[in-house]
Structure formats: structure tokens, C-alpha cells
Amino acid sequence: MFEATWTGLQPIFDKLKNNPSRITTIIFISDSPVYQFRNKTTFFFLKQYAATNQTTMKWIYLEAGHGKGVADASGATIKRLMDQTVAFHPDESYRNATDLINEVKKKTNIKLFTYSREEIDSLKKNIPSLTAIKGAASLHEVTVKPDGAVYGKDTSFGTERLLELNF
């Protein structure tokens, strides 16, 4: 499941790589189900990106239903624009999600990206066999340093501890 998320992030990572200023830390904030982003595949990709790009990667997991401010507002804006696009143009036919997104892009400055099943499948082929990470479900925050060391915290004010990963 995380493979689709990581594929969707690639255009953003590409923009960051081409940014003339050096990005040293990337922080993600989500309120996902435990299994969605707190798993070995997520940690594998964070570790790989951090080491390859000499960047600190941090993922903060909020409890479901807690507000995320700008992220929630952006999502609500896109949803409203999609609803309006379909409602105000009932005779317009959208062959697929890309057609609808391309129409919505004309009405917002929010950056929207699409990706294909083939891109996800291609990414999946590069994932080695991974072992489960003990205690991953209880983590509130994961930080991966540029040297590939992975740390976890059970609470926002908790102490970081080095996680043992076998990849």
C-alpha cells in the first residue's frame, strides 16, 4: 500500500532535488491507520531516500481525526473543486481521473500530480524482502538520519530510540 504513496511523492522529490537551495530535512505528518504508514516498507523508503540524498526524513503520526491545518484545508479545497467541476459541467465527460484533475488544475494553485499503476508496479520491483519491525505500530514519530540510522518515539515528548532494522 505504501508503494502508491511513495510513487505519488516522486514529483515532489524531483522538485526538491532540482531546488537550488539545499533541503536538509523533510517532514511528513499523517493520521493514517497504523498499518498504512507505520510499517517496514515505509521505513525502508525513508531510510533509502535519507541515505541517498543526505537528508533527514521525519514522519509524525497524529491520531485519526486530529486537525492538520493546511493539509486538511488543501484537501477540502480540492474536494470542493472536483465536486464543483462535475456539478457545474454535467454534460462534460471525463474519461478518467487524469482528465478531471487536469480540469481542476486550471482552477487552483495547489500542485496536483498523477501517477500510474505501472509506476507503482515498477517501484514494487525494487523492494527487497523485508522483515517486520517490532513495535512499529506504537510509534508516534520516526526519524531517519542521513547516515541511515532510524529512530523512533512513542510520544511527541518521548525519547528517541534507535530502531533495529534488518535492511
N, C-alpha and C. Protein backbone atom coordinates (compact mmCIF):
# COMPACT_ATOMS: atom_id res chain seq x y z
N MET A 1 0.81 -1.19 0.00
CA MET A 1 0.00 0.00 0.00
C MET A 1 0.86 1.26 0.00
N PHE A 2 1.95 1.28 0.77
CA PHE A 2 2.78 2.48 0.84
C PHE A 2 3.47 2.75 -0.50
N GLU A 3 3.59 1.74 -1.33
CA GLU A 3 4.24 1.93 -2.62
C GLU A 3 3.52 3.01 -3.44
N ALA A 4 2.19 3.06 -3.36
CA ALA A 4 1.43 4.08 -4.09
C ALA A 4 1.72 5.47 -3.52
N THR A 5 1.81 5.57 -2.21
CA THR A 5 2.13 6.86 -1.58
C THR A 5 3.50 7.33 -2.03
N TRP A 6 4.49 6.43 -1.98
CA TRP A 6 5.86 6.81 -2.36
C TRP A 6 5.92 7.19 -3.84
N THR A 7 5.19 6.48 -4.68
CA THR A 7 5.14 6.82 -6.10
C THR A 7 4.55 8.22 -6.27
N GLY A 8 3.49 8.52 -5.51
CA GLY A 8 2.87 9.83 -5.59
C GLY A 8 3.78 10.96 -5.12
N LEU A 9 4.73 10.65 -4.27
CA LEU A 9 5.67 11.66 -3.76
C LEU A 9 6.82 11.95 -4.72
N GLN A 10 7.04 11.10 -5.70
CA GLN A 10 8.19 11.26 -6.60
C GLN A 10 8.26 12.63 -7.29
N PRO A 11 7.16 13.17 -7.81
CA PRO A 11 7.26 14.51 -8.44
C PRO A 11 7.72 15.58 -7.45
N ILE A 12 7.32 15.45 -6.20
CA ILE A 12 7.75 16.41 -5.18
C ILE A 12 9.24 16.24 -4.91
N PHE A 13 9.67 15.00 -4.77
CA PHE A 13 11.10 14.74 -4.55
C PHE A 13 11.93 15.27 -5.72
N ASP A 14 11.43 15.10 -6.93
CA ASP A 14 12.15 15.61 -8.11
C ASP A 14 12.29 17.13 -8.04
N LYS A 15 11.23 17.81 -7.63
CA LYS A 15 11.30 19.27 -7.49
C LYS A 15 12.30 19.67 -6.41
N LEU A 16 12.34 18.92 -5.32
CA LEU A 16 13.28 19.22 -4.25
C LEU A 16 14.73 19.02 -4.70
N LYS A 17 14.97 17.97 -5.48
CA LYS A 17 16.32 17.71 -5.98
C LYS A 17 16.80 18.83 -6.89
N ASN A 18 15.87 19.43 -7.63
CA ASN A 18 16.23 20.49 -8.57
C ASN A 18 16.19 21.88 -7.93
N ASN A 19 15.88 21.93 -6.65
CA ASN A 19 15.84 23.20 -5.93
C ASN A 19 17.27 23.66 -5.66
N PRO A 20 17.60 24.91 -6.01
CA PRO A 20 18.98 25.38 -5.81
C PRO A 20 19.38 25.46 -4.34
N SER A 21 18.42 25.65 -3.44
CA SER A 21 18.78 25.66 -2.02
C SER A 21 18.77 24.22 -1.50
N ARG A 22 19.66 23.93 -0.63
CA ARG A 22 19.83 22.56 -0.12
C ARG A 22 18.76 22.24 0.93
N ILE A 23 17.94 21.25 0.65
CA ILE A 23 16.92 20.80 1.60
C ILE A 23 17.60 19.80 2.53
N THR A 24 17.55 20.05 3.83
CA THR A 24 18.23 19.16 4.78
C THR A 24 17.27 18.27 5.56
N THR A 25 15.99 18.66 5.64
CA THR A 25 15.01 17.88 6.39
C THR A 25 13.67 17.90 5.67
N ILE A 26 13.05 16.73 5.60
CA ILE A 26 11.70 16.60 5.03
C ILE A 26 10.84 15.98 6.12
N ILE A 27 9.71 16.63 6.42
CA ILE A 27 8.82 16.16 7.48
C ILE A 27 7.45 15.85 6.88
N PHE A 28 6.94 14.65 7.19
CA PHE A 28 5.60 14.23 6.78
C PHE A 28 4.74 14.18 8.04
N ILE A 29 3.48 14.55 7.91
CA ILE A 29 2.54 14.45 9.02
C ILE A 29 1.30 13.74 8.48
N SER A 30 0.88 12.68 9.17
CA SER A 30 -0.30 11.95 8.71
C SER A 30 -1.11 11.45 9.90
N ASP A 31 -2.35 11.09 9.62
CA ASP A 31 -3.21 10.49 10.65
C ASP A 31 -3.78 9.19 10.10
N SER A 32 -2.90 8.36 9.66
CA SER A 32 -3.30 7.14 8.97
C SER A 32 -3.56 5.99 9.93
N PRO A 33 -4.24 4.95 9.43
CA PRO A 33 -4.31 3.72 10.21
C PRO A 33 -2.90 3.20 10.46
N VAL A 34 -2.72 2.51 11.55
CA VAL A 34 -1.39 2.03 11.96
C VAL A 34 -0.67 1.30 10.83
N TYR A 35 -1.35 0.41 10.14
CA TYR A 35 -0.70 -0.41 9.13
C TYR A 35 -0.33 0.37 7.87
N GLN A 36 -0.94 1.53 7.64
CA GLN A 36 -0.73 2.22 6.37
C GLN A 36 0.66 2.83 6.23
N PHE A 37 1.14 3.55 7.23
CA PHE A 37 2.43 4.22 7.10
C PHE A 37 3.44 3.80 8.17
N ARG A 38 3.03 3.06 9.17
CA ARG A 38 3.95 2.62 10.22
C ARG A 38 4.34 1.18 9.94
N ASN A 39 5.10 0.99 8.89
CA ASN A 39 5.44 -0.38 8.52
C ASN A 39 6.82 -0.45 7.88
N LYS A 40 7.28 -1.66 7.63
CA LYS A 40 8.63 -1.89 7.12
C LYS A 40 8.87 -1.24 5.76
N THR A 41 7.86 -1.21 4.91
CA THR A 41 8.04 -0.61 3.58
C THR A 41 8.26 0.89 3.70
N THR A 42 7.49 1.54 4.55
CA THR A 42 7.67 2.98 4.78
C THR A 42 9.08 3.26 5.28
N PHE A 43 9.50 2.52 6.29
CA PHE A 43 10.81 2.75 6.89
C PHE A 43 11.92 2.47 5.88
N PHE A 44 11.72 1.47 5.03
CA PHE A 44 12.72 1.15 4.00
C PHE A 44 12.90 2.34 3.06
N PHE A 45 11.80 2.89 2.56
CA PHE A 45 11.91 4.01 1.61
C PHE A 45 12.46 5.27 2.27
N LEU A 46 12.05 5.54 3.50
CA LEU A 46 12.59 6.71 4.20
C LEU A 46 14.10 6.57 4.38
N LYS A 47 14.52 5.38 4.79
CA LYS A 47 15.96 5.14 5.00
C LYS A 47 16.73 5.27 3.69
N GLN A 48 16.21 4.69 2.64
CA GLN A 48 16.87 4.74 1.34
C GLN A 48 17.00 6.18 0.85
N TYR A 49 15.92 6.95 0.96
CA TYR A 49 15.95 8.34 0.48
C TYR A 49 16.90 9.18 1.33
N ALA A 50 16.84 9.02 2.64
CA ALA A 50 17.69 9.81 3.54
C ALA A 50 19.16 9.57 3.24
N ALA A 51 19.54 8.31 3.09
CA ALA A 51 20.95 7.99 2.85
C ALA A 51 21.39 8.45 1.46
N THR A 52 20.57 8.23 0.46
CA THR A 52 20.93 8.59 -0.91
C THR A 52 21.05 10.10 -1.09
N ASN A 53 20.17 10.85 -0.43
CA ASN A 53 20.12 12.30 -0.63
C ASN A 53 20.69 13.11 0.53
N GLN A 54 21.29 12.40 1.50
CA GLN A 54 21.88 13.07 2.68
C GLN A 54 20.90 14.06 3.29
N THR A 55 19.70 13.54 3.57
CA THR A 55 18.60 14.33 4.09
C THR A 55 18.02 13.64 5.31
N THR A 56 17.60 14.40 6.30
CA THR A 56 16.88 13.83 7.43
C THR A 56 15.41 13.72 7.04
N MET A 57 14.84 12.54 7.26
CA MET A 57 13.43 12.30 6.95
C MET A 57 12.70 12.07 8.27
N LYS A 58 11.56 12.72 8.44
CA LYS A 58 10.79 12.55 9.67
C LYS A 58 9.34 12.32 9.30
N TRP A 59 8.72 11.33 9.96
CA TRP A 59 7.30 11.07 9.76
C TRP A 59 6.64 11.14 11.13
N ILE A 60 5.67 12.05 11.26
CA ILE A 60 4.95 12.23 12.51
C ILE A 60 3.53 11.69 12.30
N TYR A 61 3.12 10.79 13.20
CA TYR A 61 1.81 10.16 13.10
C TYR A 61 0.87 10.79 14.13
N LEU A 62 -0.15 11.48 13.66
CA LEU A 62 -1.16 12.04 14.55
C LEU A 62 -2.27 11.03 14.73
N GLU A 63 -3.01 11.18 15.79
CA GLU A 63 -4.18 10.33 15.98
C GLU A 63 -5.22 10.70 14.94
N ALA A 64 -5.96 9.72 14.49
CA ALA A 64 -7.01 9.96 13.50
C ALA A 64 -7.98 11.02 14.01
N GLY A 65 -8.35 11.93 13.13
CA GLY A 65 -9.32 12.94 13.49
C GLY A 65 -8.73 14.23 14.02
N HIS A 66 -7.45 14.24 14.37
CA HIS A 66 -6.83 15.48 14.82
C HIS A 66 -6.52 16.34 13.60
N GLY A 67 -6.74 17.62 13.72
CA GLY A 67 -6.55 18.53 12.59
C GLY A 67 -5.10 18.64 12.15
N LYS A 68 -4.92 18.81 10.87
CA LYS A 68 -3.60 19.00 10.30
C LYS A 68 -3.50 20.34 9.59
N GLY A 69 -4.41 21.24 9.88
CA GLY A 69 -4.34 22.60 9.37
C GLY A 69 -4.32 22.69 7.85
N VAL A 70 -3.19 23.11 7.32
CA VAL A 70 -3.06 23.37 5.88
C VAL A 70 -3.37 22.12 5.06
N ALA A 71 -2.91 20.96 5.51
CA ALA A 71 -3.18 19.73 4.75
C ALA A 71 -4.68 19.47 4.65
N ASP A 72 -5.40 19.61 5.77
CA ASP A 72 -6.85 19.42 5.73
C ASP A 72 -7.53 20.45 4.84
N ALA A 73 -7.09 21.70 4.94
CA ALA A 73 -7.68 22.77 4.13
C ALA A 73 -7.43 22.54 2.65
N SER A 74 -6.22 22.12 2.29
CA SER A 74 -5.90 21.85 0.88
C SER A 74 -6.76 20.71 0.35
N GLY A 75 -6.87 19.64 1.13
CA GLY A 75 -7.69 18.51 0.72
C GLY A 75 -9.14 18.89 0.53
N ALA A 76 -9.67 19.69 1.46
CA ALA A 76 -11.06 20.15 1.36
C ALA A 76 -11.26 21.02 0.13
N THR A 77 -10.28 21.86 -0.17
CA THR A 77 -10.36 22.73 -1.35
C THR A 77 -10.41 21.90 -2.63
N ILE A 78 -9.53 20.91 -2.74
CA ILE A 78 -9.50 20.06 -3.93
C ILE A 78 -10.81 19.28 -4.06
N LYS A 79 -11.30 18.74 -2.96
CA LYS A 79 -12.57 18.00 -3.00
C LYS A 79 -13.69 18.91 -3.49
N ARG A 80 -13.76 20.13 -2.95
CA ARG A 80 -14.80 21.08 -3.36
C ARG A 80 -14.67 21.42 -4.85
N LEU A 81 -13.44 21.65 -5.32
CA LEU A 81 -13.23 21.96 -6.73
C LEU A 81 -13.64 20.80 -7.63
N MET A 82 -13.35 19.57 -7.21
CA MET A 82 -13.77 18.41 -8.01
C MET A 82 -15.28 18.31 -8.04
N ASP A 83 -15.91 18.48 -6.87
CA ASP A 83 -17.38 18.45 -6.81
C ASP A 83 -17.99 19.51 -7.73
N GLN A 84 -17.45 20.73 -7.67
CA GLN A 84 -17.97 21.83 -8.49
C GLN A 84 -17.73 21.58 -9.97
N THR A 85 -16.57 21.05 -10.31
CA THR A 85 -16.25 20.78 -11.71
C THR A 85 -17.25 19.81 -12.31
N VAL A 86 -17.58 18.77 -11.58
CA VAL A 86 -18.54 17.78 -12.07
C VAL A 86 -19.96 18.36 -12.05
N ALA A 87 -20.32 19.05 -10.96
CA ALA A 87 -21.69 19.58 -10.82
C ALA A 87 -21.99 20.69 -11.82
N PHE A 88 -21.02 21.56 -12.07
CA PHE A 88 -21.26 22.71 -12.95
C PHE A 88 -21.08 22.38 -14.43
N HIS A 89 -20.58 21.21 -14.72
CA HIS A 89 -20.39 20.78 -16.11
C HIS A 89 -20.94 19.36 -16.28
N PRO A 90 -22.25 19.18 -16.06
CA PRO A 90 -22.81 17.82 -16.10
C PRO A 90 -22.72 17.15 -17.47
N ASP A 91 -22.60 17.94 -18.52
CA ASP A 91 -22.52 17.35 -19.85
C ASP A 91 -21.09 17.02 -20.26
N GLU A 92 -20.14 17.46 -19.45
CA GLU A 92 -18.72 17.20 -19.74
C GLU A 92 -18.41 15.76 -19.35
N SER A 93 -17.69 15.10 -20.19
CA SER A 93 -17.33 13.71 -19.90
C SER A 93 -15.84 13.63 -19.57
N TYR A 94 -15.53 13.05 -18.44
CA TYR A 94 -14.13 12.85 -18.05
C TYR A 94 -13.84 11.36 -18.21
N ARG A 95 -12.91 11.06 -19.10
CA ARG A 95 -12.59 9.67 -19.39
C ARG A 95 -11.95 8.95 -18.22
N ASN A 96 -11.22 9.71 -17.40
CA ASN A 96 -10.50 9.11 -16.28
C ASN A 96 -10.17 10.19 -15.25
N ALA A 97 -9.54 9.78 -14.17
CA ALA A 97 -9.18 10.73 -13.10
C ALA A 97 -8.24 11.81 -13.60
N THR A 98 -7.35 11.46 -14.52
CA THR A 98 -6.40 12.45 -15.03
C THR A 98 -7.11 13.59 -15.73
N ASP A 99 -8.15 13.28 -16.51
CA ASP A 99 -8.93 14.34 -17.17
C ASP A 99 -9.55 15.29 -16.14
N LEU A 100 -10.13 14.72 -15.10
CA LEU A 100 -10.75 15.55 -14.06
C LEU A 100 -9.69 16.38 -13.34
N ILE A 101 -8.58 15.79 -12.99
CA ILE A 101 -7.51 16.52 -12.30
C ILE A 101 -6.97 17.64 -13.18
N ASN A 102 -6.79 17.37 -14.46
CA ASN A 102 -6.30 18.42 -15.36
C ASN A 102 -7.26 19.61 -15.42
N GLU A 103 -8.55 19.34 -15.35
CA GLU A 103 -9.54 20.42 -15.32
C GLU A 103 -9.45 21.20 -14.00
N VAL A 104 -9.31 20.49 -12.89
CA VAL A 104 -9.22 21.13 -11.58
C VAL A 104 -7.94 21.95 -11.47
N LYS A 105 -6.85 21.50 -12.08
CA LYS A 105 -5.57 22.24 -12.04
C LYS A 105 -5.72 23.66 -12.57
N LYS A 106 -6.65 23.86 -13.50
CA LYS A 106 -6.87 25.19 -14.08
C LYS A 106 -7.48 26.16 -13.08
N LYS A 107 -8.02 25.64 -11.97
CA LYS A 107 -8.76 26.46 -11.02
C LYS A 107 -8.06 26.65 -9.68
N THR A 108 -6.82 26.19 -9.57
CA THR A 108 -6.13 26.28 -8.28
C THR A 108 -4.62 26.40 -8.45
N ASN A 109 -3.98 26.95 -7.45
CA ASN A 109 -2.52 26.99 -7.42
C ASN A 109 -1.95 25.82 -6.63
N ILE A 110 -2.81 24.99 -6.05
CA ILE A 110 -2.35 23.80 -5.33
C ILE A 110 -1.78 22.84 -6.35
N LYS A 111 -0.61 22.31 -6.07
CA LYS A 111 0.06 21.39 -7.00
C LYS A 111 -0.60 20.01 -6.93
N LEU A 112 -1.01 19.50 -8.07
CA LEU A 112 -1.62 18.19 -8.17
C LEU A 112 -0.80 17.32 -9.11
N PHE A 113 -0.61 16.07 -8.73
CA PHE A 113 0.18 15.14 -9.54
C PHE A 113 -0.60 13.84 -9.70
N THR A 114 -0.37 13.17 -10.80
CA THR A 114 -0.96 11.85 -11.01
C THR A 114 0.15 10.84 -11.24
N TYR A 115 -0.19 9.58 -11.06
CA TYR A 115 0.77 8.51 -11.32
C TYR A 115 -0.02 7.28 -11.77
N SER A 116 0.68 6.35 -12.36
CA SER A 116 0.02 5.20 -12.96
C SER A 116 0.29 3.91 -12.17
N ARG A 117 -0.52 2.92 -12.43
CA ARG A 117 -0.34 1.59 -11.84
C ARG A 117 1.04 1.05 -12.23
N GLU A 118 1.47 1.33 -13.46
CA GLU A 118 2.78 0.84 -13.93
C GLU A 118 3.92 1.45 -13.11
N GLU A 119 3.78 2.71 -12.72
CA GLU A 119 4.81 3.35 -11.90
C GLU A 119 4.88 2.69 -10.52
N ILE A 120 3.73 2.36 -9.96
CA ILE A 120 3.70 1.68 -8.66
C ILE A 120 4.33 0.30 -8.79
N ASP A 121 3.94 -0.45 -9.82
CA ASP A 121 4.49 -1.79 -10.03
C ASP A 121 5.99 -1.76 -10.22
N SER A 122 6.48 -0.76 -10.94
CA SER A 122 7.92 -0.62 -11.15
C SER A 122 8.64 -0.38 -9.82
N LEU A 123 8.07 0.44 -8.98
CA LEU A 123 8.66 0.72 -7.68
C LEU A 123 8.67 -0.54 -6.81
N LYS A 124 7.58 -1.31 -6.85
CA LYS A 124 7.48 -2.54 -6.05
C LYS A 124 8.60 -3.52 -6.38
N LYS A 125 9.02 -3.54 -7.64
CA LYS A 125 10.06 -4.49 -8.06
C LYS A 125 11.40 -4.21 -7.38
N ASN A 126 11.59 -2.99 -6.87
CA ASN A 126 12.85 -2.61 -6.24
C ASN A 126 12.85 -2.82 -4.73
N ILE A 127 11.78 -3.38 -4.19
CA ILE A 127 11.70 -3.59 -2.74
C ILE A 127 12.21 -5.00 -2.43
N PRO A 128 13.26 -5.08 -1.63
CA PRO A 128 13.76 -6.41 -1.25
C PRO A 128 12.83 -7.06 -0.22
N SER A 129 13.11 -8.29 0.13
CA SER A 129 12.35 -8.95 1.18
C SER A 129 12.67 -8.24 2.50
N LEU A 130 11.65 -7.78 3.19
CA LEU A 130 11.83 -7.02 4.42
C LEU A 130 11.24 -7.77 5.61
N THR A 131 11.87 -7.61 6.76
CA THR A 131 11.34 -8.23 7.98
C THR A 131 10.55 -7.20 8.78
N ALA A 132 9.58 -7.68 9.53
CA ALA A 132 8.75 -6.79 10.33
C ALA A 132 9.60 -6.04 11.36
N ILE A 133 9.13 -4.86 11.74
CA ILE A 133 9.82 -4.03 12.72
C ILE A 133 9.04 -4.08 14.02
N LYS A 134 9.64 -4.66 15.03
CA LYS A 134 8.97 -4.82 16.32
C LYS A 134 8.64 -3.45 16.91
N GLY A 135 7.39 -3.29 17.33
CA GLY A 135 6.96 -2.07 17.98
C GLY A 135 6.60 -0.93 17.05
N ALA A 136 6.62 -1.16 15.75
CA ALA A 136 6.34 -0.07 14.80
C ALA A 136 4.96 0.53 15.00
N ALA A 137 3.98 -0.28 15.34
CA ALA A 137 2.61 0.20 15.48
C ALA A 137 2.44 1.20 16.62
N SER A 138 3.33 1.17 17.60
CA SER A 138 3.20 2.08 18.74
C SER A 138 3.94 3.40 18.55
N LEU A 139 4.66 3.55 17.45
CA LEU A 139 5.46 4.75 17.25
C LEU A 139 4.60 5.96 16.91
N HIS A 140 4.99 7.09 17.47
CA HIS A 140 4.33 8.37 17.18
C HIS A 140 5.15 9.16 16.16
N GLU A 141 6.45 8.87 16.11
CA GLU A 141 7.35 9.62 15.23
C GLU A 141 8.53 8.74 14.84
N VAL A 142 8.92 8.84 13.58
CA VAL A 142 10.10 8.13 13.08
C VAL A 142 11.01 9.15 12.42
N THR A 143 12.29 9.08 12.74
CA THR A 143 13.28 9.97 12.14
C THR A 143 14.39 9.13 11.55
N VAL A 144 14.74 9.41 10.29
CA VAL A 144 15.85 8.72 9.64
C VAL A 144 16.92 9.76 9.33
N LYS A 145 18.11 9.50 9.83
CA LYS A 145 19.23 10.43 9.64
C LYS A 145 19.92 10.16 8.31
N PRO A 146 20.71 11.11 7.81
CA PRO A 146 21.41 10.92 6.53
C PRO A 146 22.33 9.69 6.51
N ASP A 147 22.77 9.23 7.67
CA ASP A 147 23.62 8.03 7.71
C ASP A 147 22.81 6.74 7.68
N GLY A 148 21.47 6.86 7.61
CA GLY A 148 20.60 5.69 7.53
C GLY A 148 20.11 5.19 8.88
N ALA A 149 20.57 5.77 9.98
CA ALA A 149 20.10 5.36 11.30
C ALA A 149 18.63 5.77 11.45
N VAL A 150 17.83 4.84 11.99
CA VAL A 150 16.39 5.07 12.13
C VAL A 150 16.04 5.12 13.62
N TYR A 151 15.36 6.19 14.02
CA TYR A 151 14.98 6.39 15.41
C TYR A 151 13.47 6.49 15.52
N GLY A 152 12.93 6.05 16.64
CA GLY A 152 11.50 6.14 16.86
C GLY A 152 11.19 6.74 18.21
N LYS A 153 10.00 7.34 18.30
CA LYS A 153 9.50 7.88 19.57
C LYS A 153 8.06 7.40 19.75
N ASP A 154 7.73 7.00 20.97
CA ASP A 154 6.37 6.54 21.25
C ASP A 154 5.41 7.69 21.51
N THR A 155 5.93 8.84 21.93
CA THR A 155 5.12 10.03 22.15
C THR A 155 5.89 11.23 21.62
N SER A 156 5.19 12.34 21.42
CA SER A 156 5.89 13.51 20.89
C SER A 156 6.98 14.01 21.82
N PHE A 157 6.79 13.83 23.10
CA PHE A 157 7.79 14.31 24.06
C PHE A 157 8.70 13.19 24.53
N GLY A 158 8.53 12.00 23.97
CA GLY A 158 9.34 10.85 24.38
C GLY A 158 10.78 10.96 23.90
N THR A 159 11.57 10.04 24.37
CA THR A 159 12.97 9.98 24.00
C THR A 159 13.12 9.16 22.73
N GLU A 160 13.94 9.66 21.82
CA GLU A 160 14.23 8.89 20.60
C GLU A 160 15.03 7.65 20.96
N ARG A 161 14.68 6.55 20.31
CA ARG A 161 15.47 5.33 20.49
C ARG A 161 15.82 4.77 19.12
N LEU A 162 17.01 4.23 19.02
CA LEU A 162 17.47 3.64 17.77
C LEU A 162 16.67 2.38 17.50
N LEU A 163 16.13 2.26 16.30
CA LEU A 163 15.37 1.07 15.92
C LEU A 163 16.27 0.09 15.19
N GLU A 164 16.07 -1.17 15.46
CA GLU A 164 16.84 -2.20 14.76
C GLU A 164 16.10 -2.60 13.49
N LEU A 165 16.74 -2.34 12.37
CA LEU A 165 16.17 -2.73 11.08
C LEU A 165 17.13 -3.68 10.40
N ASN A 166 16.60 -4.69 9.78
CA ASN A 166 17.45 -5.67 9.10
C ASN A 166 17.43 -5.46 7.59
N PHE A 167 17.54 -4.21 7.19
CA PHE A 167 17.64 -3.92 5.75
C PHE A 167 18.43 -2.66 5.56
